[in-house]
Amino acid sequence: MAKTGGSVSSQPEQRTSGGLDRVQAETLRRDLQEASQRIEMLKAEKAKIESEASMYQNLAGKMESDLKSLSDAYNSLEQANFHLEKEVKALKSGGASTPPDVEAIRAEAREEAQKESEAELNDLLVCLGQEQSRVEKLSARLMDLGEDVDKLLEGVGDDMGLPEDSEKEED
């Protein structure tokens, strides 16, 4: 009986320790699962924070660039203001600088504008000559094909908004 009694008493201890091991294992498994979930949440939060940090760094860089541009513009304005103040003082004191000759400046501007408009007019005349050449070639080709060119060209200039007098002058 001692053998049986001894073995009977050891079985409940094994069952108890086996049950405790299962409970501890289950508890550890749950703790591990919760810790894994927390780690994933923290990783996602870290990624979000890093993304925000990157965005703010980019924004700070842009603002820094904008600030530098504004600073450069301000310095340029300050320099222009300094020169203008200097010029005003010189004009008030009747200094060495003479007031600008407005008429000469106007004449120079008129001359420059006239040169530009002449150049543009020459460009337009070249284009007009090229178009006239094309029209003549196409007219000749249409005549060769037996088409009435004058009838086809009737009303073509009317769409362009040209006065009728100018069309008559060209003929």
N, C-alpha and C. Protein backbone atom coordinates (compact mmCIF):
# COMPACT_ATOMS: atom_id res chain seq x y z
N MET A 1 0.80 -1.19 0.00
CA MET A 1 0.00 0.00 0.00
C MET A 1 0.84 1.24 0.00
N ALA A 2 1.96 1.12 0.66
CA ALA A 2 2.82 2.29 0.70
C ALA A 2 3.19 2.67 -0.71
N LYS A 3 3.39 1.67 -1.55
CA LYS A 3 3.73 1.97 -2.94
C LYS A 3 2.54 2.61 -3.63
N THR A 4 1.38 2.10 -3.41
CA THR A 4 0.20 2.65 -4.05
C THR A 4 -0.11 4.03 -3.50
N GLY A 5 -0.03 4.15 -2.19
CA GLY A 5 -0.33 5.45 -1.57
C GLY A 5 0.66 6.50 -2.01
N GLY A 6 1.89 6.10 -2.13
CA GLY A 6 2.91 7.06 -2.58
C GLY A 6 2.67 7.50 -3.99
N SER A 7 2.24 6.54 -4.81
CA SER A 7 2.03 6.90 -6.21
C SER A 7 0.77 7.71 -6.37
N VAL A 8 -0.21 7.47 -5.53
CA VAL A 8 -1.46 8.23 -5.61
C VAL A 8 -1.20 9.66 -5.20
N SER A 9 -0.42 9.84 -4.16
CA SER A 9 -0.18 11.20 -3.69
C SER A 9 0.69 11.97 -4.68
N SER A 10 1.54 11.32 -5.46
CA SER A 10 2.39 12.02 -6.41
C SER A 10 1.60 12.41 -7.66
N GLN A 11 0.58 11.71 -8.01
CA GLN A 11 -0.21 12.04 -9.19
C GLN A 11 -0.91 13.38 -9.04
N PRO A 12 -1.54 13.65 -7.91
CA PRO A 12 -2.18 14.97 -7.79
C PRO A 12 -1.14 16.09 -7.85
N GLU A 13 0.04 15.86 -7.34
CA GLU A 13 1.07 16.90 -7.42
C GLU A 13 1.45 17.14 -8.87
N GLN A 14 1.56 16.05 -9.64
CA GLN A 14 1.92 16.21 -11.05
C GLN A 14 0.78 16.91 -11.78
N ARG A 15 -0.45 16.55 -11.43
CA ARG A 15 -1.59 17.19 -12.10
C ARG A 15 -1.62 18.67 -11.74
N THR A 16 -1.36 18.98 -10.51
CA THR A 16 -1.38 20.36 -10.07
C THR A 16 -0.26 21.14 -10.74
N SER A 17 0.93 20.57 -10.76
CA SER A 17 2.04 21.29 -11.39
C SER A 17 1.82 21.35 -12.89
N GLY A 18 1.22 20.33 -13.50
CA GLY A 18 0.91 20.35 -14.93
C GLY A 18 -0.14 21.40 -15.23
N GLY A 19 -1.12 21.52 -14.37
CA GLY A 19 -2.16 22.55 -14.54
C GLY A 19 -1.58 23.94 -14.38
N LEU A 20 -0.68 24.09 -13.44
CA LEU A 20 -0.02 25.38 -13.24
C LEU A 20 0.83 25.75 -14.45
N ASP A 21 1.52 24.73 -14.98
CA ASP A 21 2.34 24.97 -16.17
C ASP A 21 1.47 25.44 -17.33
N ARG A 22 0.31 24.81 -17.49
CA ARG A 22 -0.60 25.22 -18.58
C ARG A 22 -1.11 26.64 -18.36
N VAL A 23 -1.47 26.94 -17.13
CA VAL A 23 -1.98 28.28 -16.82
C VAL A 23 -0.87 29.30 -17.05
N GLN A 24 0.32 28.98 -16.60
CA GLN A 24 1.44 29.90 -16.81
C GLN A 24 1.76 30.05 -18.29
N ALA A 25 1.73 28.95 -19.02
CA ALA A 25 2.01 28.99 -20.46
C ALA A 25 0.94 29.84 -21.17
N GLU A 26 -0.31 29.64 -20.78
CA GLU A 26 -1.40 30.42 -21.39
C GLU A 26 -1.24 31.89 -21.06
N THR A 27 -0.91 32.17 -19.81
CA THR A 27 -0.69 33.57 -19.39
C THR A 27 0.47 34.17 -20.16
N LEU A 28 1.55 33.41 -20.27
CA LEU A 28 2.72 33.90 -21.02
C LEU A 28 2.37 34.11 -22.49
N ARG A 29 1.56 33.20 -23.05
CA ARG A 29 1.15 33.32 -24.45
C ARG A 29 0.34 34.60 -24.65
N ARG A 30 -0.61 34.87 -23.73
CA ARG A 30 -1.43 36.09 -23.82
C ARG A 30 -0.55 37.33 -23.66
N ASP A 31 0.37 37.28 -22.70
CA ASP A 31 1.28 38.42 -22.50
C ASP A 31 2.12 38.66 -23.75
N LEU A 32 2.59 37.57 -24.35
CA LEU A 32 3.38 37.69 -25.56
C LEU A 32 2.56 38.28 -26.70
N GLN A 33 1.31 37.84 -26.82
CA GLN A 33 0.41 38.34 -27.87
C GLN A 33 0.14 39.84 -27.64
N GLU A 34 -0.13 40.22 -26.40
CA GLU A 34 -0.37 41.63 -26.09
C GLU A 34 0.88 42.46 -26.37
N ALA A 35 2.03 41.93 -26.01
CA ALA A 35 3.29 42.65 -26.25
C ALA A 35 3.53 42.79 -27.76
N SER A 36 3.22 41.74 -28.52
CA SER A 36 3.37 41.81 -29.98
C SER A 36 2.45 42.87 -30.56
N GLN A 37 1.21 42.91 -30.06
CA GLN A 37 0.27 43.92 -30.54
C GLN A 37 0.76 45.33 -30.21
N ARG A 38 1.27 45.50 -29.00
CA ARG A 38 1.80 46.80 -28.60
C ARG A 38 3.00 47.19 -29.47
N ILE A 39 3.84 46.21 -29.77
CA ILE A 39 5.00 46.48 -30.63
C ILE A 39 4.53 46.92 -32.01
N GLU A 40 3.53 46.25 -32.57
CA GLU A 40 3.01 46.64 -33.89
C GLU A 40 2.41 48.04 -33.85
N MET A 41 1.66 48.34 -32.76
CA MET A 41 1.08 49.67 -32.62
C MET A 41 2.19 50.72 -32.53
N LEU A 42 3.21 50.41 -31.76
CA LEU A 42 4.32 51.34 -31.61
C LEU A 42 5.09 51.52 -32.92
N LYS A 43 5.23 50.45 -33.70
CA LYS A 43 5.89 50.55 -35.00
C LYS A 43 5.08 51.45 -35.93
N ALA A 44 3.76 51.28 -35.94
CA ALA A 44 2.90 52.11 -36.79
C ALA A 44 2.97 53.56 -36.34
N GLU A 45 2.94 53.77 -35.03
CA GLU A 45 3.02 55.13 -34.50
C GLU A 45 4.38 55.75 -34.83
N LYS A 46 5.43 54.95 -34.74
CA LYS A 46 6.78 55.44 -35.07
C LYS A 46 6.84 55.84 -36.54
N ALA A 47 6.28 55.02 -37.43
CA ALA A 47 6.27 55.34 -38.86
C ALA A 47 5.50 56.63 -39.11
N LYS A 48 4.37 56.78 -38.43
CA LYS A 48 3.57 58.00 -38.59
C LYS A 48 4.36 59.21 -38.11
N ILE A 49 5.00 59.10 -36.97
CA ILE A 49 5.78 60.21 -36.43
C ILE A 49 6.96 60.54 -37.34
N GLU A 50 7.62 59.51 -37.87
CA GLU A 50 8.73 59.75 -38.79
C GLU A 50 8.25 60.45 -40.05
N SER A 51 7.08 60.04 -40.54
CA SER A 51 6.49 60.68 -41.72
C SER A 51 6.18 62.15 -41.44
N GLU A 52 5.58 62.41 -40.29
CA GLU A 52 5.28 63.79 -39.91
C GLU A 52 6.57 64.59 -39.76
N ALA A 53 7.59 63.99 -39.16
CA ALA A 53 8.86 64.68 -38.97
C ALA A 53 9.47 65.04 -40.32
N SER A 54 9.40 64.12 -41.26
CA SER A 54 9.91 64.37 -42.60
C SER A 54 9.14 65.50 -43.26
N MET A 55 7.82 65.47 -43.12
CA MET A 55 6.99 66.52 -43.69
C MET A 55 7.36 67.88 -43.09
N TYR A 56 7.53 67.93 -41.77
CA TYR A 56 7.88 69.18 -41.11
C TYR A 56 9.29 69.63 -41.50
N GLN A 57 10.20 68.70 -41.72
CA GLN A 57 11.54 69.08 -42.18
C GLN A 57 11.46 69.70 -43.56
N ASN A 58 10.66 69.10 -44.45
CA ASN A 58 10.50 69.66 -45.79
C ASN A 58 9.87 71.04 -45.72
N LEU A 59 8.85 71.17 -44.87
CA LEU A 59 8.17 72.46 -44.70
C LEU A 59 9.15 73.50 -44.15
N ALA A 60 9.95 73.10 -43.20
CA ALA A 60 10.94 74.02 -42.63
C ALA A 60 11.94 74.44 -43.69
N GLY A 61 12.36 73.50 -44.53
CA GLY A 61 13.28 73.83 -45.62
C GLY A 61 12.68 74.82 -46.59
N LYS A 62 11.40 74.61 -46.91
CA LYS A 62 10.72 75.53 -47.83
C LYS A 62 10.60 76.90 -47.20
N MET A 63 10.22 76.92 -45.93
CA MET A 63 10.08 78.21 -45.24
C MET A 63 11.43 78.92 -45.15
N GLU A 64 12.47 78.16 -44.92
CA GLU A 64 13.81 78.74 -44.87
C GLU A 64 14.18 79.34 -46.22
N SER A 65 13.86 78.62 -47.29
CA SER A 65 14.12 79.12 -48.63
C SER A 65 13.30 80.38 -48.92
N ASP A 66 12.02 80.35 -48.52
CA ASP A 66 11.17 81.53 -48.70
C ASP A 66 11.72 82.72 -47.91
N LEU A 67 12.16 82.46 -46.70
CA LEU A 67 12.71 83.51 -45.86
C LEU A 67 13.96 84.11 -46.49
N LYS A 68 14.80 83.26 -47.07
CA LYS A 68 16.01 83.75 -47.72
C LYS A 68 15.64 84.60 -48.93
N SER A 69 14.64 84.17 -49.70
CA SER A 69 14.19 84.96 -50.85
C SER A 69 13.66 86.31 -50.40
N LEU A 70 12.86 86.30 -49.33
CA LEU A 70 12.33 87.56 -48.81
C LEU A 70 13.46 88.46 -48.30
N SER A 71 14.42 87.86 -47.66
CA SER A 71 15.56 88.62 -47.15
C SER A 71 16.34 89.25 -48.30
N ASP A 72 16.57 88.47 -49.36
CA ASP A 72 17.28 89.00 -50.53
C ASP A 72 16.50 90.14 -51.17
N ALA A 73 15.18 89.96 -51.28
CA ALA A 73 14.34 91.01 -51.86
C ALA A 73 14.37 92.26 -50.99
N TYR A 74 14.31 92.07 -49.68
CA TYR A 74 14.36 93.21 -48.77
C TYR A 74 15.69 93.95 -48.90
N ASN A 75 16.77 93.20 -48.95
CA ASN A 75 18.09 93.82 -49.10
C ASN A 75 18.18 94.59 -50.40
N SER A 76 17.62 94.03 -51.46
CA SER A 76 17.62 94.71 -52.75
C SER A 76 16.82 96.00 -52.67
N LEU A 77 15.66 95.96 -52.01
CA LEU A 77 14.86 97.17 -51.84
C LEU A 77 15.60 98.20 -50.99
N GLU A 78 16.25 97.76 -49.95
CA GLU A 78 17.03 98.66 -49.11
C GLU A 78 18.12 99.36 -49.93
N GLN A 79 18.79 98.59 -50.76
CA GLN A 79 19.86 99.15 -51.59
C GLN A 79 19.29 100.16 -52.58
N ALA A 80 18.17 99.82 -53.22
CA ALA A 80 17.54 100.74 -54.16
C ALA A 80 17.09 102.00 -53.44
N ASN A 81 16.53 101.85 -52.25
CA ASN A 81 16.09 103.00 -51.45
C ASN A 81 17.28 103.89 -51.11
N PHE A 82 18.39 103.29 -50.74
CA PHE A 82 19.59 104.05 -50.41
C PHE A 82 20.05 104.89 -51.60
N HIS A 83 20.07 104.27 -52.77
CA HIS A 83 20.49 104.99 -53.98
C HIS A 83 19.52 106.12 -54.32
N LEU A 84 18.22 105.84 -54.16
CA LEU A 84 17.23 106.88 -54.44
C LEU A 84 17.35 108.05 -53.46
N GLU A 85 17.55 107.73 -52.19
CA GLU A 85 17.73 108.80 -51.20
C GLU A 85 18.97 109.62 -51.52
N LYS A 86 20.01 108.95 -51.91
CA LYS A 86 21.25 109.64 -52.28
C LYS A 86 21.00 110.56 -53.48
N GLU A 87 20.26 110.07 -54.46
CA GLU A 87 19.95 110.87 -55.65
C GLU A 87 19.07 112.06 -55.29
N VAL A 88 18.09 111.86 -54.39
CA VAL A 88 17.23 112.96 -53.94
C VAL A 88 18.05 114.03 -53.24
N LYS A 89 18.96 113.62 -52.35
CA LYS A 89 19.81 114.58 -51.65
C LYS A 89 20.65 115.38 -52.64
N ALA A 90 21.18 114.68 -53.64
CA ALA A 90 22.01 115.36 -54.64
C ALA A 90 21.17 116.35 -55.43
N LEU A 91 19.94 115.98 -55.77
CA LEU A 91 19.07 116.88 -56.53
C LEU A 91 18.66 118.09 -55.68
N LYS A 92 18.37 117.86 -54.39
CA LYS A 92 17.97 118.95 -53.51
C LYS A 92 19.11 119.94 -53.30
N SER A 93 20.30 119.42 -53.18
CA SER A 93 21.43 120.30 -52.93
C SER A 93 21.97 120.92 -54.22
N GLY A 94 21.38 120.56 -55.35
CA GLY A 94 21.86 121.11 -56.62
C GLY A 94 23.25 120.60 -56.93
N GLY A 95 23.49 119.42 -56.53
CA GLY A 95 24.81 118.81 -56.68
C GLY A 95 25.22 118.58 -58.12
N ALA A 96 26.24 117.79 -58.27
CA ALA A 96 26.85 117.55 -59.58
C ALA A 96 25.90 116.85 -60.53
N SER A 97 24.99 116.05 -60.01
CA SER A 97 24.10 115.33 -60.91
C SER A 97 23.04 116.28 -61.44
N THR A 98 22.78 116.20 -62.71
CA THR A 98 21.79 117.07 -63.34
C THR A 98 20.48 116.31 -63.47
N PRO A 99 19.36 117.04 -63.43
CA PRO A 99 18.09 116.35 -63.59
C PRO A 99 18.01 115.71 -64.97
N PRO A 100 17.35 114.59 -65.06
CA PRO A 100 17.28 113.91 -66.35
C PRO A 100 16.50 114.73 -67.37
N ASP A 101 16.95 114.68 -68.61
CA ASP A 101 16.29 115.39 -69.71
C ASP A 101 15.13 114.53 -70.17
N VAL A 102 13.92 114.89 -69.74
CA VAL A 102 12.73 114.10 -70.02
C VAL A 102 12.47 114.01 -71.51
N GLU A 103 12.63 115.13 -72.21
CA GLU A 103 12.38 115.13 -73.65
C GLU A 103 13.35 114.20 -74.37
N ALA A 104 14.59 114.21 -73.97
CA ALA A 104 15.58 113.32 -74.60
C ALA A 104 15.23 111.86 -74.35
N ILE A 105 14.79 111.58 -73.13
CA ILE A 105 14.40 110.20 -72.79
C ILE A 105 13.19 109.78 -73.62
N ARG A 106 12.23 110.69 -73.75
CA ARG A 106 11.04 110.38 -74.56
C ARG A 106 11.43 110.14 -76.01
N ALA A 107 12.28 111.00 -76.55
CA ALA A 107 12.71 110.85 -77.94
C ALA A 107 13.43 109.53 -78.14
N GLU A 108 14.27 109.18 -77.18
CA GLU A 108 15.01 107.91 -77.26
C GLU A 108 14.04 106.73 -77.21
N ALA A 109 13.04 106.81 -76.33
CA ALA A 109 12.05 105.74 -76.22
C ALA A 109 11.23 105.63 -77.50
N ARG A 110 10.85 106.81 -78.07
CA ARG A 110 10.10 106.79 -79.34
C ARG A 110 10.92 106.13 -80.43
N GLU A 111 12.20 106.50 -80.50
CA GLU A 111 13.09 105.95 -81.53
C GLU A 111 13.22 104.43 -81.37
N GLU A 112 13.38 103.98 -80.14
CA GLU A 112 13.50 102.55 -79.86
C GLU A 112 12.22 101.81 -80.24
N ALA A 113 11.07 102.41 -79.87
CA ALA A 113 9.78 101.79 -80.20
C ALA A 113 9.59 101.74 -81.71
N GLN A 114 10.03 102.80 -82.40
CA GLN A 114 9.89 102.82 -83.86
C GLN A 114 10.76 101.74 -84.50
N LYS A 115 11.96 101.57 -83.99
CA LYS A 115 12.84 100.51 -84.52
C LYS A 115 12.21 99.14 -84.32
N GLU A 116 11.66 98.93 -83.12
CA GLU A 116 11.02 97.64 -82.84
C GLU A 116 9.82 97.41 -83.74
N SER A 117 9.00 98.45 -83.92
CA SER A 117 7.82 98.27 -84.76
C SER A 117 8.20 98.08 -86.22
N GLU A 118 9.28 98.72 -86.66
CA GLU A 118 9.75 98.50 -88.04
C GLU A 118 10.22 97.06 -88.21
N ALA A 119 10.94 96.55 -87.22
CA ALA A 119 11.41 95.17 -87.29
C ALA A 119 10.22 94.20 -87.33
N GLU A 120 9.21 94.46 -86.49
CA GLU A 120 8.03 93.60 -86.48
C GLU A 120 7.27 93.70 -87.80
N LEU A 121 7.20 94.92 -88.35
CA LEU A 121 6.53 95.12 -89.64
C LEU A 121 7.27 94.36 -90.74
N ASN A 122 8.58 94.42 -90.72
CA ASN A 122 9.37 93.67 -91.71
C ASN A 122 9.12 92.17 -91.59
N ASP A 123 9.04 91.68 -90.36
CA ASP A 123 8.75 90.26 -90.15
C ASP A 123 7.37 89.90 -90.72
N LEU A 124 6.39 90.78 -90.47
CA LEU A 124 5.05 90.54 -90.99
C LEU A 124 5.02 90.56 -92.52
N LEU A 125 5.79 91.49 -93.11
CA LEU A 125 5.84 91.56 -94.57
C LEU A 125 6.46 90.30 -95.16
N VAL A 126 7.48 89.77 -94.49
CA VAL A 126 8.11 88.52 -94.96
C VAL A 126 7.08 87.39 -94.90
N CYS A 127 6.36 87.31 -93.79
CA CYS A 127 5.33 86.26 -93.65
C CYS A 127 4.24 86.44 -94.70
N LEU A 128 3.84 87.68 -94.93
CA LEU A 128 2.81 87.95 -95.92
C LEU A 128 3.29 87.55 -97.31
N GLY A 129 4.55 87.83 -97.61
CA GLY A 129 5.11 87.43 -98.91
C GLY A 129 5.13 85.92 -99.07
N GLN A 130 5.47 85.21 -97.99
CA GLN A 130 5.49 83.75 -98.04
C GLN A 130 4.08 83.22 -98.27
N GLU A 131 3.11 83.80 -97.58
CA GLU A 131 1.73 83.35 -97.75
C GLU A 131 1.22 83.67 -99.16
N GLN A 132 1.59 84.83 -99.69
CA GLN A 132 1.18 85.20 -101.04
C GLN A 132 1.76 84.21 -102.05
N SER A 133 3.01 83.82 -101.82
CA SER A 133 3.66 82.84 -102.70
C SER A 133 2.90 81.51 -102.65
N ARG A 134 2.52 81.10 -101.48
CA ARG A 134 1.76 79.85 -101.33
C ARG A 134 0.41 79.93 -102.05
N VAL A 135 -0.25 81.08 -101.88
CA VAL A 135 -1.55 81.26 -102.52
C VAL A 135 -1.38 81.19 -104.04
N GLU A 136 -0.35 81.82 -104.55
CA GLU A 136 -0.12 81.80 -106.01
C GLU A 136 0.13 80.38 -106.50
N LYS A 137 0.94 79.63 -105.76
CA LYS A 137 1.23 78.24 -106.16
C LYS A 137 -0.04 77.39 -106.12
N LEU A 138 -0.81 77.56 -105.04
CA LEU A 138 -2.04 76.78 -104.92
C LEU A 138 -3.05 77.20 -105.99
N SER A 139 -3.11 78.49 -106.28
CA SER A 139 -4.03 78.97 -107.32
C SER A 139 -3.66 78.36 -108.67
N ALA A 140 -2.36 78.34 -108.96
CA ALA A 140 -1.90 77.75 -110.23
C ALA A 140 -2.27 76.28 -110.29
N ARG A 141 -2.08 75.59 -109.20
CA ARG A 141 -2.39 74.16 -109.15
C ARG A 141 -3.90 73.92 -109.33
N LEU A 142 -4.71 74.77 -108.68
CA LEU A 142 -6.16 74.64 -108.82
C LEU A 142 -6.60 74.93 -110.24
N MET A 143 -5.97 75.91 -110.87
CA MET A 143 -6.31 76.22 -112.26
C MET A 143 -5.96 75.03 -113.15
N ASP A 144 -4.81 74.39 -112.88
CA ASP A 144 -4.41 73.21 -113.65
C ASP A 144 -5.43 72.09 -113.48
N LEU A 145 -6.06 72.04 -112.32
CA LEU A 145 -7.06 71.00 -112.05
C LEU A 145 -8.44 71.40 -112.56
N GLY A 146 -8.54 72.61 -113.14
CA GLY A 146 -9.80 73.04 -113.74
C GLY A 146 -10.75 73.72 -112.78
N GLU A 147 -10.26 74.20 -111.65
CA GLU A 147 -11.11 74.89 -110.69
C GLU A 147 -11.14 76.38 -111.00
N ASP A 148 -12.25 77.05 -110.65
CA ASP A 148 -12.37 78.50 -110.81
C ASP A 148 -11.80 79.14 -109.54
N VAL A 149 -10.55 79.62 -109.61
CA VAL A 149 -9.83 80.13 -108.46
C VAL A 149 -10.51 81.39 -107.91
N ASP A 150 -10.93 82.30 -108.78
CA ASP A 150 -11.56 83.54 -108.32
C ASP A 150 -12.82 83.23 -107.51
N LYS A 151 -13.59 82.26 -107.98
CA LYS A 151 -14.81 81.90 -107.27
C LYS A 151 -14.46 81.30 -105.90
N LEU A 152 -13.40 80.49 -105.83
CA LEU A 152 -12.99 79.88 -104.57
C LEU A 152 -12.47 80.93 -103.58
N LEU A 153 -11.80 81.96 -104.08
CA LEU A 153 -11.21 82.97 -103.21
C LEU A 153 -12.21 84.04 -102.78
N GLU A 154 -13.39 84.05 -103.39
CA GLU A 154 -14.41 85.02 -103.02
C GLU A 154 -14.78 84.85 -101.55
N GLY A 155 -14.76 85.93 -100.82
CA GLY A 155 -15.17 85.90 -99.41
C GLY A 155 -14.10 85.39 -98.46
N VAL A 156 -12.92 84.98 -98.96
CA VAL A 156 -11.88 84.47 -98.08
C VAL A 156 -11.36 85.58 -97.18
N GLY A 157 -11.12 86.78 -97.71
CA GLY A 157 -10.61 87.90 -96.93
C GLY A 157 -11.63 88.46 -95.97
N ASP A 158 -12.93 88.21 -96.24
CA ASP A 158 -13.98 88.75 -95.38
C ASP A 158 -13.91 88.16 -93.98
N ASP A 159 -13.46 86.94 -93.86
CA ASP A 159 -13.38 86.27 -92.56
C ASP A 159 -12.29 86.88 -91.69
N MET A 160 -11.34 87.55 -92.29
CA MET A 160 -10.20 88.07 -91.55
C MET A 160 -10.47 89.45 -90.98
N GLY A 161 -11.60 90.06 -91.30
CA GLY A 161 -11.95 91.35 -90.74
C GLY A 161 -11.21 92.50 -91.40
N LEU A 162 -10.70 92.31 -92.63
CA LEU A 162 -9.98 93.36 -93.33
C LEU A 162 -10.98 94.29 -94.00
N PRO A 163 -10.67 95.59 -94.01
CA PRO A 163 -11.56 96.51 -94.72
C PRO A 163 -11.50 96.23 -96.21
N GLU A 164 -12.58 96.49 -96.89
CA GLU A 164 -12.65 96.19 -98.32
C GLU A 164 -11.69 97.04 -99.11
N ASP A 165 -11.41 98.28 -98.65
CA ASP A 165 -10.49 99.16 -99.35
C ASP A 165 -9.09 98.56 -99.44
N SER A 166 -8.64 97.93 -98.37
CA SER A 166 -7.30 97.36 -98.39
C SER A 166 -7.21 96.21 -99.38
N GLU A 167 -8.31 95.46 -99.52
CA GLU A 167 -8.30 94.37 -100.49
C GLU A 167 -8.21 94.94 -101.91
N LYS A 168 -8.89 96.03 -102.15
CA LYS A 168 -8.87 96.64 -103.48
C LYS A 168 -7.51 97.22 -103.78
N GLU A 169 -6.81 97.77 -102.72
CA GLU A 169 -5.50 98.33 -102.94
C GLU A 169 -4.50 97.26 -103.31
N GLU A 170 -4.64 96.07 -102.76
CA GLU A 170 -3.72 94.98 -103.06
C GLU A 170 -3.88 94.51 -104.49
N ASP A 171 -5.10 94.54 -105.07
CA ASP A 171 -5.33 94.07 -106.44
C ASP A 171 -4.75 95.04 -107.37
